[in-house]
Amino acid sequence: MSATKDDIITLPNGHLRERSQKVGVISDELKQLVADMEAATLDWEDSRSHEVGVALAAIQIDRKLRVVVLRNNFDDKSDRTFHAFINPKITKYEGDLVEDYEGCLSVRDIYGKVERHSKVRISATSLEGKQIRITAEGFLARVFQHEIDHTNGIVFIDHIKNKPDAFFRLDSEGHLEKLDYEKDVKDNKDLW
């Protein structure tokens, strides 16, 4: 049975703050984990009218392994295929620091304006066991940084916890609206 959106853990679950373990062997069990991650992401997306599930780290379905899946086409919801990255790491940060909006399947209904590098170099292993080296720019670079953060126990709100103007929510029409930091964020035990 495949994983569903209900298998995605959310804050305040403390597992999201723990570092994931390196994968040693690409096994059938690991391939099933990747399939479960993809299924959970798509099930989550199917339950949200204004959002796209672009990526997921294994810890988000409570598996403490350094595995992430990224959607092959962020702009086309009908393309429901992903690529898996085993033991991904950023080998070099490049480009400018750019602030843009991020959301997370493990942070319910909160978006943030997060500063990230516009270009990063990534090394990882494919599901077929081949070494991969990628230079990612723009949104892809942002997604890699967000997901690799997950493997290190970091959630995007950790980057903005001292920036009251950086927190937003999605309204019923799919537009971002600023949150009242003092009322909605600062003492929200579900976030910290």
C-alpha atoms as a PDB file:
ATOM      1  CA  MET A   1       0.000   0.000   0.000  1.00  0.00           C
ATOM      2  CA  SER A   2       1.343   3.414  -0.991  1.00  0.00           C
ATOM      3  CA  ALA A   3       1.886   6.303   1.369  1.00  0.00           C
ATOM      4  CA  THR A   4      -0.670   9.105   1.459  1.00  0.00           C
ATOM      5  CA  LYS A   5      -0.761  12.718   2.593  1.00  0.00           C
ATOM      6  CA  ASP A   6      -1.640  11.389   6.055  1.00  0.00           C
ATOM      7  CA  ASP A   7       1.853   9.874   6.283  1.00  0.00           C
ATOM      8  CA  ILE A   8       3.460  13.323   6.012  1.00  0.00           C
ATOM      9  CA  ILE A   9       4.534  14.520   9.446  1.00  0.00           C
ATOM     10  CA  THR A  10       4.212  18.181  10.347  1.00  0.00           C
ATOM     11  CA  LEU A  11       5.548  20.513  12.995  1.00  0.00           C
ATOM     12  CA  PRO A  12       5.641  20.307  15.975  1.00  0.00           C
ATOM     13  CA  ASN A  13       6.832  16.708  15.341  1.00  0.00           C
ATOM     14  CA  GLY A  14      10.407  16.752  16.667  1.00  0.00           C
ATOM     15  CA  HIS A  15      11.658  14.262  14.058  1.00  0.00           C
ATOM     16  CA  LEU A  16      11.706  17.143  11.559  1.00  0.00           C
ATOM     17  CA  ARG A  17      14.488  18.726  13.643  1.00  0.00           C
ATOM     18  CA  GLU A  18      16.746  15.639  13.516  1.00  0.00           C
ATOM     19  CA  ARG A  19      19.535  14.927  11.034  1.00  0.00           C
ATOM     20  CA  SER A  20      18.895  12.075   8.627  1.00  0.00           C
ATOM     21  CA  GLN A  21      21.262   9.152   8.153  1.00  0.00           C
ATOM     22  CA  LYS A  22      23.313   8.524   5.046  1.00  0.00           C
ATOM     23  CA  VAL A  23      22.054   5.747   2.768  1.00  0.00           C
ATOM     24  CA  GLY A  24      24.584   2.941   2.332  1.00  0.00           C
ATOM     25  CA  VAL A  25      22.864   0.577  -0.099  1.00  0.00           C
ATOM     26  CA  ILE A  26      20.238   1.146  -2.772  1.00  0.00           C
ATOM     27  CA  SER A  27      17.832  -1.668  -1.972  1.00  0.00           C
ATOM     28  CA  ASP A  28      14.308  -2.638  -2.959  1.00  0.00           C
ATOM     29  CA  GLU A  29      13.217  -1.163   0.366  1.00  0.00           C
ATOM     30  CA  LEU A  30      14.805   2.166  -0.597  1.00  0.00           C
ATOM     31  CA  LYS A  31      13.074   2.079  -3.986  1.00  0.00           C
ATOM     32  CA  GLN A  32       9.765   1.502  -2.178  1.00  0.00           C
ATOM     33  CA  LEU A  33      10.525   4.468   0.086  1.00  0.00           C
ATOM     34  CA  VAL A  34      10.998   6.671  -2.999  1.00  0.00           C
ATOM     35  CA  ALA A  35       7.694   5.425  -4.451  1.00  0.00           C
ATOM     36  CA  ASP A  36       5.984   6.165  -1.118  1.00  0.00           C
ATOM     37  CA  MET A  37       7.456   9.675  -1.044  1.00  0.00           C
ATOM     38  CA  GLU A  38       6.174  10.376  -4.545  1.00  0.00           C
ATOM     39  CA  ALA A  39       2.718   8.969  -3.727  1.00  0.00           C
ATOM     40  CA  ALA A  40       2.425  11.010  -0.512  1.00  0.00           C
ATOM     41  CA  THR A  41       3.440  14.207  -2.333  1.00  0.00           C
ATOM     42  CA  LEU A  42       0.893  13.676  -5.098  1.00  0.00           C
ATOM     43  CA  ASP A  43      -1.864  12.763  -2.635  1.00  0.00           C
ATOM     44  CA  TRP A  44      -1.120  15.972  -0.699  1.00  0.00           C
ATOM     45  CA  GLU A  45      -1.227  17.978  -3.932  1.00  0.00           C
ATOM     46  CA  ASP A  46      -4.526  16.388  -4.950  1.00  0.00           C
ATOM     47  CA  SER A  47      -6.041  17.645  -1.683  1.00  0.00           C
ATOM     48  CA  ARG A  48      -4.943  21.281  -2.296  1.00  0.00           C
ATOM     49  CA  SER A  49      -6.492  23.401  -5.018  1.00  0.00           C
ATOM     50  CA  HIS A  50      -3.881  26.184  -5.196  1.00  0.00           C
ATOM     51  CA  GLU A  51      -0.634  24.356  -4.450  1.00  0.00           C
ATOM     52  CA  VAL A  52       1.837  22.040  -6.156  1.00  0.00           C
ATOM     53  CA  GLY A  53       3.843  19.352  -4.381  1.00  0.00           C
ATOM     54  CA  VAL A  54       7.295  20.006  -5.826  1.00  0.00           C
ATOM     55  CA  ALA A  55       9.533  17.928  -3.551  1.00  0.00           C
ATOM     56  CA  LEU A  56       9.743  15.852  -0.393  1.00  0.00           C
ATOM     57  CA  ALA A  57      12.487  14.608   1.922  1.00  0.00           C
ATOM     58  CA  ALA A  58      12.249  11.145   3.465  1.00  0.00           C
ATOM     59  CA  ILE A  59      12.073  12.580   6.993  1.00  0.00           C
ATOM     60  CA  GLN A  60       8.764  14.170   5.997  1.00  0.00           C
ATOM     61  CA  ILE A  61       7.221  10.691   5.946  1.00  0.00           C
ATOM     62  CA  ASP A  62       9.109   9.913   9.144  1.00  0.00           C
ATOM     63  CA  ARG A  63      11.987   7.990   7.579  1.00  0.00           C
ATOM     64  CA  LYS A  64      15.309   9.365   8.778  1.00  0.00           C
ATOM     65  CA  LEU A  65      17.276   8.771   5.566  1.00  0.00           C
ATOM     66  CA  ARG A  66      19.073  11.257   3.302  1.00  0.00           C
ATOM     67  CA  VAL A  67      16.701  10.874   0.357  1.00  0.00           C
ATOM     68  CA  VAL A  68      14.780  13.574  -1.504  1.00  0.00           C
ATOM     69  CA  VAL A  69      12.460  13.474  -4.478  1.00  0.00           C
ATOM     70  CA  LEU A  70      11.964  16.456  -6.790  1.00  0.00           C
ATOM     71  CA  ARG A  71       9.267  16.824  -9.373  1.00  0.00           C
ATOM     72  CA  ASN A  72      10.556  16.716 -12.943  1.00  0.00           C
ATOM     73  CA  ASN A  73       8.387  19.638 -14.093  1.00  0.00           C
ATOM     74  CA  PHE A  74       7.394  22.247 -11.505  1.00  0.00           C
ATOM     75  CA  ASP A  75       5.217  24.146 -13.983  1.00  0.00           C
ATOM     76  CA  ASP A  76       3.033  21.300 -15.257  1.00  0.00           C
ATOM     77  CA  LYS A  77       0.805  19.610 -12.672  1.00  0.00           C
ATOM     78  CA  SER A  78      -0.124  16.944 -15.231  1.00  0.00           C
ATOM     79  CA  ASP A  79       3.511  15.731 -15.216  1.00  0.00           C
ATOM     80  CA  ARG A  80       3.437  13.637 -12.040  1.00  0.00           C
ATOM     81  CA  THR A  81       6.960  12.233 -12.353  1.00  0.00           C
ATOM     82  CA  PHE A  82       9.858  12.754  -9.960  1.00  0.00           C
ATOM     83  CA  HIS A  83      13.581  12.220  -9.743  1.00  0.00           C
ATOM     84  CA  ALA A  84      15.167  10.764  -6.607  1.00  0.00           C
ATOM     85  CA  PHE A  85      18.411  12.020  -5.089  1.00  0.00           C
ATOM     86  CA  ILE A  86      20.206   9.792  -2.578  1.00  0.00           C
ATOM     87  CA  ASN A  87      22.598  11.427  -0.076  1.00  0.00           C
ATOM     88  CA  PRO A  88      22.298  14.847  -1.731  1.00  0.00           C
ATOM     89  CA  LYS A  89      24.632  17.562  -0.572  1.00  0.00           C
ATOM     90  CA  ILE A  90      25.455  21.075  -1.618  1.00  0.00           C
ATOM     91  CA  THR A  91      29.093  21.246  -2.672  1.00  0.00           C
ATOM     92  CA  LYS A  92      29.134  24.958  -3.492  1.00  0.00           C
ATOM     93  CA  TYR A  93      26.910  27.990  -2.952  1.00  0.00           C
ATOM     94  CA  GLU A  94      27.030  30.555  -5.745  1.00  0.00           C
ATOM     95  CA  GLY A  95      25.142  33.480  -7.181  1.00  0.00           C
ATOM     96  CA  ASP A  96      23.250  36.119  -5.280  1.00  0.00           C
ATOM     97  CA  LEU A  97      21.193  35.783  -2.139  1.00  0.00           C
ATOM     98  CA  VAL A  98      17.576  36.074  -3.262  1.00  0.00           C
ATOM     99  CA  GLU A  99      14.502  36.354  -1.052  1.00  0.00           C
ATOM    100  CA  ASP A 100      11.390  34.533  -2.254  1.00  0.00           C
ATOM    101  CA  TYR A 101       8.361  32.671  -0.941  1.00  0.00           C
ATOM    102  CA  GLU A 102       8.545  29.090   0.289  1.00  0.00           C
ATOM    103  CA  GLY A 103       6.007  26.676   1.668  1.00  0.00           C
ATOM    104  CA  CYS A 104       6.435  23.184   3.051  1.00  0.00           C
ATOM    105  CA  LEU A 105       4.243  20.106   3.246  1.00  0.00           C
ATOM    106  CA  SER A 106       5.416  19.711   6.858  1.00  0.00           C
ATOM    107  CA  VAL A 107       4.569  23.286   7.939  1.00  0.00           C
ATOM    108  CA  ARG A 108       0.801  23.605   7.806  1.00  0.00           C
ATOM    109  CA  ASP A 109      -0.609  26.677   6.090  1.00  0.00           C
ATOM    110  CA  ILE A 110       2.459  28.883   6.615  1.00  0.00           C
ATOM    111  CA  TYR A 111       4.597  30.431   3.901  1.00  0.00           C
ATOM    112  CA  GLY A 112       7.728  32.451   4.387  1.00  0.00           C
ATOM    113  CA  LYS A 113       9.956  34.821   2.479  1.00  0.00           C
ATOM    114  CA  VAL A 114      13.324  33.053   2.721  1.00  0.00           C
ATOM    115  CA  GLU A 115      16.730  34.166   1.517  1.00  0.00           C
ATOM    116  CA  ARG A 116      18.592  31.515  -0.503  1.00  0.00           C
ATOM    117  CA  HIS A 117      21.484  31.360  -2.939  1.00  0.00           C
ATOM    118  CA  SER A 118      20.420  31.702  -6.574  1.00  0.00           C
ATOM    119  CA  LYS A 119      22.830  28.979  -7.701  1.00  0.00           C
ATOM    120  CA  VAL A 120      24.155  25.839  -6.015  1.00  0.00           C
ATOM    121  CA  ARG A 121      26.176  22.824  -7.025  1.00  0.00           C
ATOM    122  CA  ILE A 122      24.791  19.476  -5.869  1.00  0.00           C
ATOM    123  CA  SER A 123      26.258  16.002  -5.667  1.00  0.00           C
ATOM    124  CA  ALA A 124      24.088  12.940  -5.073  1.00  0.00           C
ATOM    125  CA  THR A 125      23.536   9.352  -6.117  1.00  0.00           C
ATOM    126  CA  SER A 126      20.724   8.320  -8.444  1.00  0.00           C
ATOM    127  CA  LEU A 127      18.309   5.498  -7.651  1.00  0.00           C
ATOM    128  CA  GLU A 128      20.299   3.471 -10.205  1.00  0.00           C
ATOM    129  CA  GLY A 129      23.474   3.957  -8.141  1.00  0.00           C
ATOM    130  CA  LYS A 130      25.144   6.484 -10.449  1.00  0.00           C
ATOM    131  CA  GLN A 131      26.945   9.585  -9.135  1.00  0.00           C
ATOM    132  CA  ILE A 132      25.164  12.807 -10.114  1.00  0.00           C
ATOM    133  CA  ARG A 133      26.545  16.339 -10.216  1.00  0.00           C
ATOM    134  CA  ILE A 134      24.115  19.170 -10.918  1.00  0.00           C
ATOM    135  CA  THR A 135      24.382  22.918 -11.106  1.00  0.00           C
ATOM    136  CA  ALA A 136      20.955  24.235 -10.097  1.00  0.00           C
ATOM    137  CA  GLU A 137      19.807  27.807 -10.587  1.00  0.00           C
ATOM    138  CA  GLY A 138      16.723  29.838  -9.695  1.00  0.00           C
ATOM    139  CA  PHE A 139      13.741  27.938  -8.325  1.00  0.00           C
ATOM    140  CA  LEU A 140      15.480  24.557  -8.682  1.00  0.00           C
ATOM    141  CA  ALA A 141      18.366  25.839  -6.533  1.00  0.00           C
ATOM    142  CA  ARG A 142      15.841  27.008  -3.924  1.00  0.00           C
ATOM    143  CA  VAL A 143      14.109  23.612  -3.879  1.00  0.00           C
ATOM    144  CA  PHE A 144      17.387  21.738  -3.455  1.00  0.00           C
ATOM    145  CA  GLN A 145      18.433  24.007  -0.568  1.00  0.00           C
ATOM    146  CA  HIS A 146      15.022  23.563   1.120  1.00  0.00           C
ATOM    147  CA  GLU A 147      15.065  19.758   0.795  1.00  0.00           C
ATOM    148  CA  ILE A 148      18.709  19.299   1.770  1.00  0.00           C
ATOM    149  CA  ASP A 149      17.939  21.448   4.831  1.00  0.00           C
ATOM    150  CA  HIS A 150      15.337  18.810   5.759  1.00  0.00           C
ATOM    151  CA  THR A 151      18.020  16.104   5.712  1.00  0.00           C
ATOM    152  CA  ASN A 152      19.935  18.238   8.229  1.00  0.00           C
ATOM    153  CA  GLY A 153      16.985  18.801  10.563  1.00  0.00           C
ATOM    154  CA  ILE A 154      16.292  22.355   9.378  1.00  0.00           C
ATOM    155  CA  VAL A 155      12.826  23.621   8.420  1.00  0.00           C
ATOM    156  CA  PHE A 156      12.436  26.776   6.303  1.00  0.00           C
ATOM    157  CA  ILE A 157      10.895  28.781   9.150  1.00  0.00           C
ATOM    158  CA  ASP A 158      14.184  28.384  11.052  1.00  0.00           C
ATOM    159  CA  HIS A 159      15.720  30.801   8.531  1.00  0.00           C
ATOM    160  CA  ILE A 160      13.125  33.501   9.243  1.00  0.00           C
ATOM    161  CA  LYS A 161      12.259  33.070  12.919  1.00  0.00           C
ATOM    162  CA  ASN A 162      13.616  36.550  13.685  1.00  0.00           C
ATOM    163  CA  LYS A 163      11.936  38.230  10.707  1.00  0.00           C
ATOM    164  CA  PRO A 164       8.360  39.169  11.690  1.00  0.00           C
ATOM    165  CA  ASP A 165       7.539  40.474   8.191  1.00  0.00           C
ATOM    166  CA  ALA A 166       8.479  37.194   6.483  1.00  0.00           C
ATOM    167  CA  PHE A 167       5.444  35.046   7.434  1.00  0.00           C
ATOM    168  CA  PHE A 168       2.402  34.544   5.197  1.00  0.00           C
ATOM    169  CA  ARG A 169      -0.599  32.258   4.678  1.00  0.00           C
ATOM    170  CA  LEU A 170      -2.537  31.279   1.575  1.00  0.00           C
ATOM    171  CA  ASP A 171      -6.098  32.621   1.455  1.00  0.00           C
ATOM    172  CA  SER A 172      -9.027  30.700  -0.044  1.00  0.00           C
ATOM    173  CA  GLU A 173      -8.373  32.291  -3.446  1.00  0.00           C
ATOM    174  CA  GLY A 174      -4.745  31.139  -3.504  1.00  0.00           C
ATOM    175  CA  HIS A 175      -3.188  34.527  -2.697  1.00  0.00           C
ATOM    176  CA  LEU A 176      -0.550  35.083  -0.034  1.00  0.00           C
ATOM    177  CA  GLU A 177      -1.494  37.348   2.851  1.00  0.00           C
ATOM    178  CA  LYS A 178       0.840  38.570   5.581  1.00  0.00           C
ATOM    179  CA  LEU A 179       0.431  37.005   9.013  1.00  0.00           C
ATOM    180  CA  ASP A 180       0.380  38.994  12.227  1.00  0.00           C
ATOM    181  CA  TYR A 181       3.667  37.817  13.742  1.00  0.00           C
ATOM    182  CA  GLU A 182       2.730  38.585  17.355  1.00  0.00           C
ATOM    183  CA  LYS A 183      -0.679  36.938  17.112  1.00  0.00           C
ATOM    184  CA  ASP A 184      -0.195  34.078  14.627  1.00  0.00           C
ATOM    185  CA  VAL A 185       3.481  33.130  14.693  1.00  0.00           C
ATOM    186  CA  LYS A 186       5.656  34.145  17.650  1.00  0.00           C
ATOM    187  CA  ASP A 187       4.109  31.911  20.326  1.00  0.00           C
ATOM    188  CA  ASN A 188       2.592  29.277  18.012  1.00  0.00           C
ATOM    189  CA  LYS A 189       3.674  26.033  19.671  1.00  0.00           C
ATOM    190  CA  ASP A 190       2.927  24.125  16.443  1.00  0.00           C
ATOM    191  CA  LEU A 191       5.843  25.937  14.760  1.00  0.00           C
ATOM    192  CA  TRP A 192       8.557  25.948  17.391  1.00  0.00           C
END
